[in-house]
Amino acid sequence: MMDIRLEDCSDAMAIRPIYDGPDSQSMFWIAVCLIAGTAMLYFGSEWLVRGAKGLALHFGIAPFVVGLTVLAFGSSAPEAITSIVSTETPSLIIGNVVGSNIANVGLAIGLAAIIGPMAAKYTDMKIELIVMLATAVGLLAMGYFGFIGQIEGIALILLLFAFLYYVFRKKGSDEEAQSAYTEDVTPEKLSNPILAVLVIIGLILLYFGAKYFIEGARDLAVLLGVPDLIIGLIVVAIGTSLPEMCISILAAHRGEADMAVANIVGSNIFNIFFVLGIGAALVDVPVSSSVLTFHLPMMLLFSIVMFLMVRFRNRIDRTSGLVLVGLYCAYIAIIGLYPSLMM
């Protein structure tokens, strides 16, 4: 049965259901939260990026800088807001970051490569690929302490700004190297007030989308009897990675290969530096033994496989895409076969 009680939700009194069992009404509520939350996260990030990008270009900021900052931050906005509203269940934060990075490579790049084989020049994204590997190794090293705390969170955020500064200095005068950041940076025809409204609406949608999505994910975890970690690794990770997946698949379909690959590499870097950094700065993020011994090594494995594909082949073709998707399916299957990996 399902009782209706008053609870404090979104800083206001709201009516929401409390579940006594896995009935059809509770499943309906969970589906509504997940679907509505996903839609708000997607459109929120799209409108936030569109408005912020347009304002930046209107104020004379160089397209390369806009691509390096506004678009990169915007694509990680769903994960970042999800971290902020997940402080009561911090295991969702690490699950979201690790799961999103795995899904970005296994699903986003894998599916995009199957749709359209992608050339990816190693020389153009060497810095980003190395940093992506370094962040995966660094996160695995931090996990040995059992949690990621406020000091580590602040350090990750500072490292993000150091990375952005280095990329800006390194590629600031190289037009060819800037191409992966500027292909999607085109001037908006909308006026500044409308662009500002898009930014505000985007932020509002992101906040409430993350809040409802997390509520649905938590209730789904209770309903299925699985830990928050697994919901974060799979459901929340895929939901918050939808913008990256859509961008990569559409870019591959249009033949903009560099943009698709650069988007995922940049997103994985931002997820660790920015998303996990914000989450850890707000609350201690626990790293369970299964995360340390399986999920983090798997994230590193996906990063290494993608690095090797670009480094030695300068492309990710359909066969490589099938390998990545196959690895992701194997990862999910192993989790299902070994319940201890869910803890």
C-alpha atoms as a PDB file:
ATOM      1  CA  MET A   1       0.000   0.000   0.000  1.00  0.00           C
ATOM      2  CA  MET A   2       1.028   3.628  -0.414  1.00  0.00           C
ATOM      3  CA  ASP A   3       0.421   6.296   2.219  1.00  0.00           C
ATOM      4  CA  ILE A   4       0.518  10.024   1.469  1.00  0.00           C
ATOM      5  CA  ARG A   5       2.401  12.098   4.035  1.00  0.00           C
ATOM      6  CA  LEU A   6       3.732  15.618   4.178  1.00  0.00           C
ATOM      7  CA  GLU A   7       7.508  15.941   3.890  1.00  0.00           C
ATOM      8  CA  ASP A   8       9.945  18.780   3.424  1.00  0.00           C
ATOM      9  CA  CYS A   9      10.860  18.651  -0.271  1.00  0.00           C
ATOM     10  CA  SER A  10      12.769  21.241  -2.306  1.00  0.00           C
ATOM     11  CA  ASP A  11      12.692  23.649   0.654  1.00  0.00           C
ATOM     12  CA  ALA A  12       8.903  23.695   0.579  1.00  0.00           C
ATOM     13  CA  MET A  13       6.090  21.547   1.937  1.00  0.00           C
ATOM     14  CA  ALA A  14       5.108  19.023  -0.689  1.00  0.00           C
ATOM     15  CA  ILE A  15       3.048  15.889  -0.875  1.00  0.00           C
ATOM     16  CA  ARG A  16       5.005  12.824  -1.841  1.00  0.00           C
ATOM     17  CA  PRO A  17       4.350   9.150  -1.461  1.00  0.00           C
ATOM     18  CA  ILE A  18       5.973   6.922   1.143  1.00  0.00           C
ATOM     19  CA  TYR A  19       6.176   3.311   0.062  1.00  0.00           C
ATOM     20  CA  ASP A  20       5.230   0.310   2.160  1.00  0.00           C
ATOM     21  CA  GLY A  21       5.982  -2.213  -0.571  1.00  0.00           C
ATOM     22  CA  PRO A  22       6.722  -2.788  -4.246  1.00  0.00           C
ATOM     23  CA  ASP A  23       3.245  -2.048  -5.624  1.00  0.00           C
ATOM     24  CA  SER A  24       2.217  -0.549  -8.942  1.00  0.00           C
ATOM     25  CA  GLN A  25       1.680   2.926  -7.474  1.00  0.00           C
ATOM     26  CA  SER A  26       5.217   3.102  -6.098  1.00  0.00           C
ATOM     27  CA  MET A  27       6.627   1.892  -9.422  1.00  0.00           C
ATOM     28  CA  PHE A  28       4.629   4.583 -11.204  1.00  0.00           C
ATOM     29  CA  TRP A  29       6.023   7.283  -8.897  1.00  0.00           C
ATOM     30  CA  ILE A  30       9.579   6.022  -9.385  1.00  0.00           C
ATOM     31  CA  ALA A  31       9.132   5.993 -13.171  1.00  0.00           C
ATOM     32  CA  VAL A  32       7.762   9.542 -13.114  1.00  0.00           C
ATOM     33  CA  CYS A  33      10.689  10.781 -11.013  1.00  0.00           C
ATOM     34  CA  LEU A  34      13.312   9.100 -13.185  1.00  0.00           C
ATOM     35  CA  ILE A  35      11.782  10.103 -16.526  1.00  0.00           C
ATOM     36  CA  ALA A  36      10.928  13.664 -15.501  1.00  0.00           C
ATOM     37  CA  GLY A  37      14.289  14.064 -13.766  1.00  0.00           C
ATOM     38  CA  THR A  38      16.176  12.820 -16.821  1.00  0.00           C
ATOM     39  CA  ALA A  39      14.234  15.166 -19.122  1.00  0.00           C
ATOM     40  CA  MET A  40      14.894  18.157 -16.858  1.00  0.00           C
ATOM     41  CA  LEU A  41      18.607  17.280 -16.593  1.00  0.00           C
ATOM     42  CA  TYR A  42      18.897  17.032 -20.375  1.00  0.00           C
ATOM     43  CA  PHE A  43      17.030  20.227 -21.266  1.00  0.00           C
ATOM     44  CA  GLY A  44      18.490  22.071 -18.273  1.00  0.00           C
ATOM     45  CA  SER A  45      22.040  21.367 -19.402  1.00  0.00           C
ATOM     46  CA  GLU A  46      21.190  22.175 -23.035  1.00  0.00           C
ATOM     47  CA  TRP A  47      19.606  25.551 -22.191  1.00  0.00           C
ATOM     48  CA  LEU A  48      22.275  26.438 -19.642  1.00  0.00           C
ATOM     49  CA  VAL A  49      25.028  25.769 -22.178  1.00  0.00           C
ATOM     50  CA  ARG A  50      23.192  27.581 -24.969  1.00  0.00           C
ATOM     51  CA  GLY A  51      22.533  30.659 -22.863  1.00  0.00           C
ATOM     52  CA  ALA A  52      25.977  30.825 -21.261  1.00  0.00           C
ATOM     53  CA  LYS A  53      27.699  30.198 -24.590  1.00  0.00           C
ATOM     54  CA  GLY A  54      25.670  32.918 -26.292  1.00  0.00           C
ATOM     55  CA  LEU A  55      26.329  35.466 -23.551  1.00  0.00           C
ATOM     56  CA  ALA A  56      30.051  34.697 -23.544  1.00  0.00           C
ATOM     57  CA  LEU A  57      30.327  35.142 -27.314  1.00  0.00           C
ATOM     58  CA  HIS A  58      28.254  38.331 -27.223  1.00  0.00           C
ATOM     59  CA  PHE A  59      30.672  39.771 -24.652  1.00  0.00           C
ATOM     60  CA  GLY A  60      33.624  39.047 -26.936  1.00  0.00           C
ATOM     61  CA  ILE A  61      35.106  35.954 -25.276  1.00  0.00           C
ATOM     62  CA  ALA A  62      37.088  33.848 -27.753  1.00  0.00           C
ATOM     63  CA  PRO A  63      35.326  30.710 -29.068  1.00  0.00           C
ATOM     64  CA  PHE A  64      38.226  28.520 -27.880  1.00  0.00           C
ATOM     65  CA  VAL A  65      37.856  29.789 -24.312  1.00  0.00           C
ATOM     66  CA  VAL A  66      34.077  29.293 -24.483  1.00  0.00           C
ATOM     67  CA  GLY A  67      34.520  25.723 -25.689  1.00  0.00           C
ATOM     68  CA  LEU A  68      37.161  24.958 -23.079  1.00  0.00           C
ATOM     69  CA  THR A  69      35.145  26.334 -20.171  1.00  0.00           C
ATOM     70  CA  VAL A  70      31.426  26.921 -20.794  1.00  0.00           C
ATOM     71  CA  LEU A  71      30.743  23.806 -22.877  1.00  0.00           C
ATOM     72  CA  ALA A  72      32.949  21.595 -20.720  1.00  0.00           C
ATOM     73  CA  PHE A  73      31.353  22.760 -17.461  1.00  0.00           C
ATOM     74  CA  GLY A  74      27.912  22.561 -19.031  1.00  0.00           C
ATOM     75  CA  SER A  75      28.255  18.938 -20.137  1.00  0.00           C
ATOM     76  CA  SER A  76      29.188  17.960 -16.568  1.00  0.00           C
ATOM     77  CA  ALA A  77      26.457  20.093 -14.985  1.00  0.00           C
ATOM     78  CA  PRO A  78      23.969  17.193 -14.494  1.00  0.00           C
ATOM     79  CA  GLU A  79      26.583  15.154 -12.619  1.00  0.00           C
ATOM     80  CA  ALA A  80      27.663  18.188 -10.585  1.00  0.00           C
ATOM     81  CA  ILE A  81      24.146  19.143  -9.470  1.00  0.00           C
ATOM     82  CA  THR A  82      23.446  15.475  -8.727  1.00  0.00           C
ATOM     83  CA  SER A  83      26.471  15.434  -6.412  1.00  0.00           C
ATOM     84  CA  ILE A  84      25.225  18.528  -4.604  1.00  0.00           C
ATOM     85  CA  VAL A  85      21.782  17.050  -3.917  1.00  0.00           C
ATOM     86  CA  SER A  86      23.220  13.635  -2.963  1.00  0.00           C
ATOM     87  CA  THR A  87      24.970  14.678   0.244  1.00  0.00           C
ATOM     88  CA  GLU A  88      22.590  12.539   2.324  1.00  0.00           C
ATOM     89  CA  THR A  89      23.634   9.455   0.343  1.00  0.00           C
ATOM     90  CA  PRO A  90      27.323  10.094  -0.493  1.00  0.00           C
ATOM     91  CA  SER A  91      27.802   6.617  -1.992  1.00  0.00           C
ATOM     92  CA  LEU A  92      25.703   7.884  -4.903  1.00  0.00           C
ATOM     93  CA  ILE A  93      28.377  10.524  -5.574  1.00  0.00           C
ATOM     94  CA  ILE A  94      31.254   8.098  -6.116  1.00  0.00           C
ATOM     95  CA  GLY A  95      28.916   5.749  -7.962  1.00  0.00           C
ATOM     96  CA  ASN A  96      27.756   8.558 -10.249  1.00  0.00           C
ATOM     97  CA  VAL A  97      31.313   9.674 -11.093  1.00  0.00           C
ATOM     98  CA  VAL A  98      32.769   6.209 -11.669  1.00  0.00           C
ATOM     99  CA  GLY A  99      29.667   4.927 -13.441  1.00  0.00           C
ATOM    100  CA  SER A 100      29.434   8.016 -15.665  1.00  0.00           C
ATOM    101  CA  ASN A 101      33.073   7.721 -16.731  1.00  0.00           C
ATOM    102  CA  ILE A 102      32.599   4.044 -17.576  1.00  0.00           C
ATOM    103  CA  ALA A 103      29.339   4.743 -19.444  1.00  0.00           C
ATOM    104  CA  ASN A 104      30.918   7.662 -21.314  1.00  0.00           C
ATOM    105  CA  VAL A 105      33.550   5.393 -22.848  1.00  0.00           C
ATOM    106  CA  GLY A 106      31.637   2.123 -23.059  1.00  0.00           C
ATOM    107  CA  LEU A 107      28.297   3.483 -24.246  1.00  0.00           C
ATOM    108  CA  ALA A 108      28.777   7.024 -25.584  1.00  0.00           C
ATOM    109  CA  ILE A 109      31.992   6.447 -27.531  1.00  0.00           C
ATOM    110  CA  GLY A 110      31.127   2.813 -28.279  1.00  0.00           C
ATOM    111  CA  LEU A 111      27.702   3.598 -29.748  1.00  0.00           C
ATOM    112  CA  ALA A 112      28.987   6.690 -31.564  1.00  0.00           C
ATOM    113  CA  ALA A 113      31.760   4.636 -33.199  1.00  0.00           C
ATOM    114  CA  ILE A 114      29.270   1.991 -34.310  1.00  0.00           C
ATOM    115  CA  ILE A 115      27.099   4.692 -35.906  1.00  0.00           C
ATOM    116  CA  GLY A 116      30.032   6.400 -37.597  1.00  0.00           C
ATOM    117  CA  PRO A 117      33.736   5.406 -37.354  1.00  0.00           C
ATOM    118  CA  MET A 118      35.685   8.286 -35.861  1.00  0.00           C
ATOM    119  CA  ALA A 119      39.133   9.600 -36.649  1.00  0.00           C
ATOM    120  CA  ALA A 120      40.761  10.923 -33.482  1.00  0.00           C
ATOM    121  CA  LYS A 121      44.203  12.513 -33.806  1.00  0.00           C
ATOM    122  CA  TYR A 122      46.380  11.655 -30.839  1.00  0.00           C
ATOM    123  CA  THR A 123      48.544  14.737 -31.346  1.00  0.00           C
ATOM    124  CA  ASP A 124      45.483  17.011 -31.007  1.00  0.00           C
ATOM    125  CA  MET A 125      44.284  15.538 -27.700  1.00  0.00           C
ATOM    126  CA  LYS A 126      47.465  14.118 -26.199  1.00  0.00           C
ATOM    127  CA  ILE A 127      47.304  16.346 -23.119  1.00  0.00           C
ATOM    128  CA  GLU A 128      43.676  15.536 -22.379  1.00  0.00           C
ATOM    129  CA  LEU A 129      44.135  11.773 -22.838  1.00  0.00           C
ATOM    130  CA  ILE A 130      47.126  11.705 -20.495  1.00  0.00           C
ATOM    131  CA  VAL A 131      45.271  13.762 -17.901  1.00  0.00           C
ATOM    132  CA  MET A 132      42.245  11.433 -18.207  1.00  0.00           C
ATOM    133  CA  LEU A 133      44.503   8.466 -17.411  1.00  0.00           C
ATOM    134  CA  ALA A 134      46.236  10.357 -14.596  1.00  0.00           C
ATOM    135  CA  THR A 135      42.942  11.301 -12.943  1.00  0.00           C
ATOM    136  CA  ALA A 136      41.758   7.673 -13.054  1.00  0.00           C
ATOM    137  CA  VAL A 137      45.002   6.495 -11.458  1.00  0.00           C
ATOM    138  CA  GLY A 138      44.854   9.316  -8.898  1.00  0.00           C
ATOM    139  CA  LEU A 139      41.284   8.468  -7.913  1.00  0.00           C
ATOM    140  CA  LEU A 140      42.260   4.816  -7.474  1.00  0.00           C
ATOM    141  CA  ALA A 141      45.147   5.909  -5.215  1.00  0.00           C
ATOM    142  CA  MET A 142      42.878   8.169  -3.131  1.00  0.00           C
ATOM    143  CA  GLY A 143      40.460   5.285  -2.707  1.00  0.00           C
ATOM    144  CA  TYR A 144      42.956   3.374  -0.565  1.00  0.00           C
ATOM    145  CA  PHE A 145      42.206   5.777   2.301  1.00  0.00           C
ATOM    146  CA  GLY A 146      38.587   4.535   2.388  1.00  0.00           C
ATOM    147  CA  PHE A 147      37.027   7.929   1.746  1.00  0.00           C
ATOM    148  CA  ILE A 148      37.560  11.161  -0.141  1.00  0.00           C
ATOM    149  CA  GLY A 149      37.237  14.134   2.184  1.00  0.00           C
ATOM    150  CA  GLN A 150      37.050  17.909   2.059  1.00  0.00           C
ATOM    151  CA  ILE A 151      40.780  18.479   1.585  1.00  0.00           C
ATOM    152  CA  GLU A 152      40.873  16.100  -1.379  1.00  0.00           C
ATOM    153  CA  GLY A 153      37.725  17.692  -2.788  1.00  0.00           C
ATOM    154  CA  ILE A 154      39.190  21.189  -2.700  1.00  0.00           C
ATOM    155  CA  ALA A 155      42.448  19.879  -4.175  1.00  0.00           C
ATOM    156  CA  LEU A 156      40.551  18.291  -7.080  1.00  0.00           C
ATOM    157  CA  ILE A 157      38.776  21.565  -7.855  1.00  0.00           C
ATOM    158  CA  LEU A 158      42.085  23.461  -7.802  1.00  0.00           C
ATOM    159  CA  LEU A 159      43.617  20.847 -10.108  1.00  0.00           C
ATOM    160  CA  LEU A 160      40.769  21.446 -12.542  1.00  0.00           C
ATOM    161  CA  PHE A 161      41.608  25.139 -12.810  1.00  0.00           C
ATOM    162  CA  ALA A 162      45.310  24.271 -13.184  1.00  0.00           C
ATOM    163  CA  PHE A 163      44.399  21.896 -16.021  1.00  0.00           C
ATOM    164  CA  LEU A 164      42.273  24.524 -17.770  1.00  0.00           C
ATOM    165  CA  TYR A 165      45.047  27.102 -17.447  1.00  0.00           C
ATOM    166  CA  TYR A 166      47.617  24.683 -18.862  1.00  0.00           C
ATOM    167  CA  VAL A 167      45.415  23.737 -21.837  1.00  0.00           C
ATOM    168  CA  PHE A 168      44.695  27.417 -22.506  1.00  0.00           C
ATOM    169  CA  ARG A 169      48.402  28.295 -22.467  1.00  0.00           C
ATOM    170  CA  LYS A 170      49.349  25.242 -24.542  1.00  0.00           C
ATOM    171  CA  LYS A 171      46.679  25.598 -27.231  1.00  0.00           C
ATOM    172  CA  GLY A 172      45.941  29.300 -27.063  1.00  0.00           C
ATOM    173  CA  SER A 173      47.971  30.057 -30.208  1.00  0.00           C
ATOM    174  CA  ASP A 174      47.396  26.772 -32.065  1.00  0.00           C
ATOM    175  CA  GLU A 175      44.274  27.057 -34.222  1.00  0.00           C
ATOM    176  CA  GLU A 176      44.398  23.415 -35.335  1.00  0.00           C
ATOM    177  CA  ALA A 177      44.633  22.157 -31.748  1.00  0.00           C
ATOM    178  CA  GLN A 178      41.680  24.379 -30.794  1.00  0.00           C
ATOM    179  CA  SER A 179      39.376  22.776 -33.359  1.00  0.00           C
ATOM    180  CA  ALA A 180      37.976  20.118 -31.006  1.00  0.00           C
ATOM    181  CA  TYR A 181      36.849  22.871 -28.629  1.00  0.00           C
ATOM    182  CA  THR A 182      35.386  25.276 -31.178  1.00  0.00           C
ATOM    183  CA  GLU A 183      33.424  23.083 -33.629  1.00  0.00           C
ATOM    184  CA  ASP A 184      30.227  23.501 -31.612  1.00  0.00           C
ATOM    185  CA  VAL A 185      30.808  27.138 -30.634  1.00  0.00           C
ATOM    186  CA  THR A 186      28.610  29.200 -32.961  1.00  0.00           C
ATOM    187  CA  PRO A 187      27.091  32.624 -32.234  1.00  0.00           C
ATOM    188  CA  GLU A 188      23.488  32.707 -31.012  1.00  0.00           C
ATOM    189  CA  LYS A 189      20.980  34.993 -32.753  1.00  0.00           C
ATOM    190  CA  LEU A 190      18.969  35.466 -29.554  1.00  0.00           C
ATOM    191  CA  SER A 191      19.178  38.682 -27.540  1.00  0.00           C
ATOM    192  CA  ASN A 192      21.123  38.901 -24.288  1.00  0.00           C
ATOM    193  CA  PRO A 193      17.996  39.042 -22.057  1.00  0.00           C
ATOM    194  CA  ILE A 194      16.633  35.854 -23.645  1.00  0.00           C
ATOM    195  CA  LEU A 195      20.013  34.150 -23.263  1.00  0.00           C
ATOM    196  CA  ALA A 196      20.097  35.162 -19.591  1.00  0.00           C
ATOM    197  CA  VAL A 197      16.618  33.678 -19.127  1.00  0.00           C
ATOM    198  CA  LEU A 198      17.846  30.438 -20.719  1.00  0.00           C
ATOM    199  CA  VAL A 199      20.691  30.295 -18.191  1.00  0.00           C
ATOM    200  CA  ILE A 200      18.318  30.830 -15.258  1.00  0.00           C
ATOM    201  CA  ILE A 201      15.763  28.302 -16.511  1.00  0.00           C
ATOM    202  CA  GLY A 202      18.567  25.831 -17.229  1.00  0.00           C
ATOM    203  CA  LEU A 203      19.893  26.091 -13.684  1.00  0.00           C
ATOM    204  CA  ILE A 204      16.401  25.656 -12.209  1.00  0.00           C
ATOM    205  CA  LEU A 205      15.726  22.603 -14.378  1.00  0.00           C
ATOM    206  CA  LEU A 206      19.081  21.105 -13.454  1.00  0.00           C
ATOM    207  CA  TYR A 207      18.447  21.504  -9.731  1.00  0.00           C
ATOM    208  CA  PHE A 208      14.944  20.065  -9.691  1.00  0.00           C
ATOM    209  CA  GLY A 209      15.805  17.460 -12.302  1.00  0.00           C
ATOM    210  CA  ALA A 210      18.663  16.195 -10.145  1.00  0.00           C
ATOM    211  CA  LYS A 211      16.495  16.294  -7.024  1.00  0.00           C
ATOM    212  CA  TYR A 212      13.634  14.279  -8.518  1.00  0.00           C
ATOM    213  CA  PHE A 213      15.999  11.916 -10.313  1.00  0.00           C
ATOM    214  CA  ILE A 214      17.874  11.153  -7.086  1.00  0.00           C
ATOM    215  CA  GLU A 215      14.597  10.662  -5.184  1.00  0.00           C
ATOM    216  CA  GLY A 216      13.447   8.194  -7.819  1.00  0.00           C
ATOM    217  CA  ALA A 217      16.810   6.430  -7.788  1.00  0.00           C
ATOM    218  CA  ARG A 218      16.780   6.106  -4.000  1.00  0.00           C
ATOM    219  CA  ASP A 219      13.273   4.690  -4.021  1.00  0.00           C
ATOM    220  CA  LEU A 220      14.259   2.290  -6.784  1.00  0.00           C
ATOM    221  CA  ALA A 221      17.173   1.075  -4.655  1.00  0.00           C
ATOM    222  CA  VAL A 222      14.800   0.424  -1.740  1.00  0.00           C
ATOM    223  CA  LEU A 223      12.280  -1.275  -4.017  1.00  0.00           C
ATOM    224  CA  LEU A 224      14.857  -3.586  -5.594  1.00  0.00           C
ATOM    225  CA  GLY A 225      16.728  -4.129  -2.356  1.00  0.00           C
ATOM    226  CA  VAL A 226      20.079  -3.040  -3.813  1.00  0.00           C
ATOM    227  CA  PRO A 227      22.596  -0.565  -2.340  1.00  0.00           C
ATOM    228  CA  ASP A 228      22.692   3.100  -3.339  1.00  0.00           C
ATOM    229  CA  LEU A 229      26.123   2.450  -4.870  1.00  0.00           C
ATOM    230  CA  ILE A 230      24.734   0.256  -7.648  1.00  0.00           C
ATOM    231  CA  ILE A 231      21.952   2.723  -8.442  1.00  0.00           C
ATOM    232  CA  GLY A 232      24.624   5.413  -8.685  1.00  0.00           C
ATOM    233  CA  LEU A 233      26.896   3.277 -10.867  1.00  0.00           C
ATOM    234  CA  ILE A 234      24.183   2.326 -13.354  1.00  0.00           C
ATOM    235  CA  VAL A 235      20.897   4.274 -13.181  1.00  0.00           C
ATOM    236  CA  VAL A 236      22.177   7.680 -12.063  1.00  0.00           C
ATOM    237  CA  ALA A 237      25.351   7.366 -14.140  1.00  0.00           C
ATOM    238  CA  ILE A 238      23.505   6.670 -17.385  1.00  0.00           C
ATOM    239  CA  GLY A 239      20.848   9.303 -16.631  1.00  0.00           C
ATOM    240  CA  THR A 240      23.364  12.074 -15.983  1.00  0.00           C
ATOM    241  CA  SER A 241      25.526  10.999 -18.935  1.00  0.00           C
ATOM    242  CA  LEU A 242      22.714  11.474 -21.454  1.00  0.00           C
ATOM    243  CA  PRO A 243      23.966  14.920 -22.613  1.00  0.00           C
ATOM    244  CA  GLU A 244      27.422  13.488 -23.369  1.00  0.00           C
ATOM    245  CA  MET A 245      25.915  10.477 -25.111  1.00  0.00           C
ATOM    246  CA  CYS A 246      23.635  12.598 -27.282  1.00  0.00           C
ATOM    247  CA  ILE A 247      26.434  15.033 -28.170  1.00  0.00           C
ATOM    248  CA  SER A 248      28.830  12.225 -29.103  1.00  0.00           C
ATOM    249  CA  ILE A 249      26.322  10.218 -31.123  1.00  0.00           C
ATOM    250  CA  LEU A 250      25.106  13.289 -33.025  1.00  0.00           C
ATOM    251  CA  ALA A 251      28.679  14.445 -33.628  1.00  0.00           C
ATOM    252  CA  ALA A 252      29.644  11.020 -34.981  1.00  0.00           C
ATOM    253  CA  HIS A 253      26.558  11.012 -37.209  1.00  0.00           C
ATOM    254  CA  ARG A 254      27.548  14.428 -38.602  1.00  0.00           C
ATOM    255  CA  GLY A 255      31.137  13.281 -39.109  1.00  0.00           C
ATOM    256  CA  GLU A 256      32.551  15.581 -36.394  1.00  0.00           C
ATOM    257  CA  ALA A 257      34.734  12.851 -34.904  1.00  0.00           C
ATOM    258  CA  ASP A 258      37.203  14.999 -32.981  1.00  0.00           C
ATOM    259  CA  MET A 259      34.364  16.754 -31.203  1.00  0.00           C
ATOM    260  CA  ALA A 260      32.771  13.463 -30.114  1.00  0.00           C
ATOM    261  CA  VAL A 261      35.980  12.039 -28.653  1.00  0.00           C
ATOM    262  CA  ALA A 262      37.137  15.322 -27.100  1.00  0.00           C
ATOM    263  CA  ASN A 263      33.716  15.720 -25.462  1.00  0.00           C
ATOM    264  CA  ILE A 264      34.022  12.374 -23.667  1.00  0.00           C
ATOM    265  CA  VAL A 265      37.666  12.816 -22.677  1.00  0.00           C
ATOM    266  CA  GLY A 266      36.906  16.264 -21.285  1.00  0.00           C
ATOM    267  CA  SER A 267      33.786  15.029 -19.524  1.00  0.00           C
ATOM    268  CA  ASN A 268      35.693  12.235 -17.762  1.00  0.00           C
ATOM    269  CA  ILE A 269      38.294  14.722 -16.552  1.00  0.00           C
ATOM    270  CA  PHE A 270      35.626  17.141 -15.339  1.00  0.00           C
ATOM    271  CA  ASN A 271      33.703  14.358 -13.582  1.00  0.00           C
ATOM    272  CA  ILE A 272      36.669  13.597 -11.326  1.00  0.00           C
ATOM    273  CA  PHE A 273      38.041  17.107 -10.833  1.00  0.00           C
ATOM    274  CA  PHE A 274      34.747  19.028 -10.785  1.00  0.00           C
ATOM    275  CA  VAL A 275      31.891  16.656  -9.892  1.00  0.00           C
ATOM    276  CA  LEU A 276      33.711  14.534  -7.323  1.00  0.00           C
ATOM    277  CA  GLY A 277      35.555  17.619  -6.087  1.00  0.00           C
ATOM    278  CA  ILE A 278      32.312  19.435  -5.310  1.00  0.00           C
ATOM    279  CA  GLY A 279      30.769  16.353  -3.699  1.00  0.00           C
ATOM    280  CA  ALA A 280      33.808  15.653  -1.506  1.00  0.00           C
ATOM    281  CA  ALA A 281      34.059  19.319  -0.510  1.00  0.00           C
ATOM    282  CA  LEU A 282      30.501  19.070   0.873  1.00  0.00           C
ATOM    283  CA  VAL A 283      30.589  15.624   2.492  1.00  0.00           C
ATOM    284  CA  ASP A 284      33.031  12.758   3.019  1.00  0.00           C
ATOM    285  CA  VAL A 285      32.563  10.365   0.098  1.00  0.00           C
ATOM    286  CA  PRO A 286      33.052   6.716   1.137  1.00  0.00           C
ATOM    287  CA  VAL A 287      35.040   4.340  -1.068  1.00  0.00           C
ATOM    288  CA  SER A 288      33.944   0.780  -0.371  1.00  0.00           C
ATOM    289  CA  SER A 289      36.134  -2.262  -0.931  1.00  0.00           C
ATOM    290  CA  SER A 290      34.177  -3.224  -4.066  1.00  0.00           C
ATOM    291  CA  VAL A 291      34.661   0.268  -5.524  1.00  0.00           C
ATOM    292  CA  LEU A 292      38.385   0.092  -4.760  1.00  0.00           C
ATOM    293  CA  THR A 293      39.000  -3.437  -6.038  1.00  0.00           C
ATOM    294  CA  PHE A 294      36.588  -3.615  -8.992  1.00  0.00           C
ATOM    295  CA  HIS A 295      34.750  -0.488 -10.106  1.00  0.00           C
ATOM    296  CA  LEU A 296      37.701   1.938 -10.020  1.00  0.00           C
ATOM    297  CA  PRO A 297      40.004  -0.557 -11.802  1.00  0.00           C
ATOM    298  CA  MET A 298      37.275  -1.018 -14.419  1.00  0.00           C
ATOM    299  CA  MET A 299      37.090   2.753 -14.919  1.00  0.00           C
ATOM    300  CA  LEU A 300      40.869   2.770 -15.369  1.00  0.00           C
ATOM    301  CA  LEU A 301      40.627  -0.163 -17.811  1.00  0.00           C
ATOM    302  CA  PHE A 302      38.099   1.679 -19.989  1.00  0.00           C
ATOM    303  CA  SER A 303      40.343   4.760 -19.961  1.00  0.00           C
ATOM    304  CA  ILE A 304      43.396   2.693 -20.956  1.00  0.00           C
ATOM    305  CA  VAL A 305      41.537   0.928 -23.783  1.00  0.00           C
ATOM    306  CA  MET A 306      40.333   4.245 -25.207  1.00  0.00           C
ATOM    307  CA  PHE A 307      43.804   5.774 -24.824  1.00  0.00           C
ATOM    308  CA  LEU A 308      45.421   2.872 -26.706  1.00  0.00           C
ATOM    309  CA  MET A 309      42.843   3.056 -29.505  1.00  0.00           C
ATOM    310  CA  VAL A 310      43.601   6.732 -30.108  1.00  0.00           C
ATOM    311  CA  ARG A 311      47.347   6.485 -29.446  1.00  0.00           C
ATOM    312  CA  PHE A 312      48.149   3.664 -31.858  1.00  0.00           C
ATOM    313  CA  ARG A 313      45.321   3.854 -34.401  1.00  0.00           C
ATOM    314  CA  ASN A 314      44.275   7.527 -34.409  1.00  0.00           C
ATOM    315  CA  ARG A 315      40.709   6.336 -34.834  1.00  0.00           C
ATOM    316  CA  ILE A 316      37.878   4.485 -33.157  1.00  0.00           C
ATOM    317  CA  ASP A 317      36.166   2.366 -35.798  1.00  0.00           C
ATOM    318  CA  ARG A 318      33.077   0.154 -35.661  1.00  0.00           C
ATOM    319  CA  THR A 319      35.048  -2.851 -34.418  1.00  0.00           C
ATOM    320  CA  SER A 320      36.485  -0.754 -31.594  1.00  0.00           C
ATOM    321  CA  GLY A 321      33.001   0.549 -30.825  1.00  0.00           C
ATOM    322  CA  LEU A 322      31.684  -3.008 -30.557  1.00  0.00           C
ATOM    323  CA  VAL A 323      34.567  -3.861 -28.222  1.00  0.00           C
ATOM    324  CA  LEU A 324      33.737  -0.901 -25.956  1.00  0.00           C
ATOM    325  CA  VAL A 325      30.015  -1.694 -25.850  1.00  0.00           C
ATOM    326  CA  GLY A 326      30.838  -5.363 -25.245  1.00  0.00           C
ATOM    327  CA  LEU A 327      33.107  -4.420 -22.338  1.00  0.00           C
ATOM    328  CA  TYR A 328      30.332  -2.324 -20.820  1.00  0.00           C
ATOM    329  CA  CYS A 329      27.823  -5.176 -21.135  1.00  0.00           C
ATOM    330  CA  ALA A 330      30.374  -7.532 -19.532  1.00  0.00           C
ATOM    331  CA  TYR A 331      30.862  -5.032 -16.695  1.00  0.00           C
ATOM    332  CA  ILE A 332      27.112  -4.937 -15.975  1.00  0.00           C
ATOM    333  CA  ALA A 333      26.878  -8.743 -16.252  1.00  0.00           C
ATOM    334  CA  ILE A 334      29.705  -9.264 -13.732  1.00  0.00           C
ATOM    335  CA  ILE A 335      27.958  -6.975 -11.263  1.00  0.00           C
ATOM    336  CA  GLY A 336      24.812  -9.050 -11.619  1.00  0.00           C
ATOM    337  CA  LEU A 337      26.668 -12.338 -11.168  1.00  0.00           C
ATOM    338  CA  TYR A 338      28.610 -11.284  -8.071  1.00  0.00           C
ATOM    339  CA  PRO A 339      26.379  -9.515  -5.479  1.00  0.00           C
ATOM    340  CA  SER A 340      29.414  -8.661  -3.331  1.00  0.00           C
ATOM    341  CA  LEU A 341      30.376  -6.088  -5.978  1.00  0.00           C
ATOM    342  CA  MET A 342      27.211  -4.161  -5.151  1.00  0.00           C
ATOM    343  CA  MET A 343      28.361  -3.289  -1.643  1.00  0.00           C
END
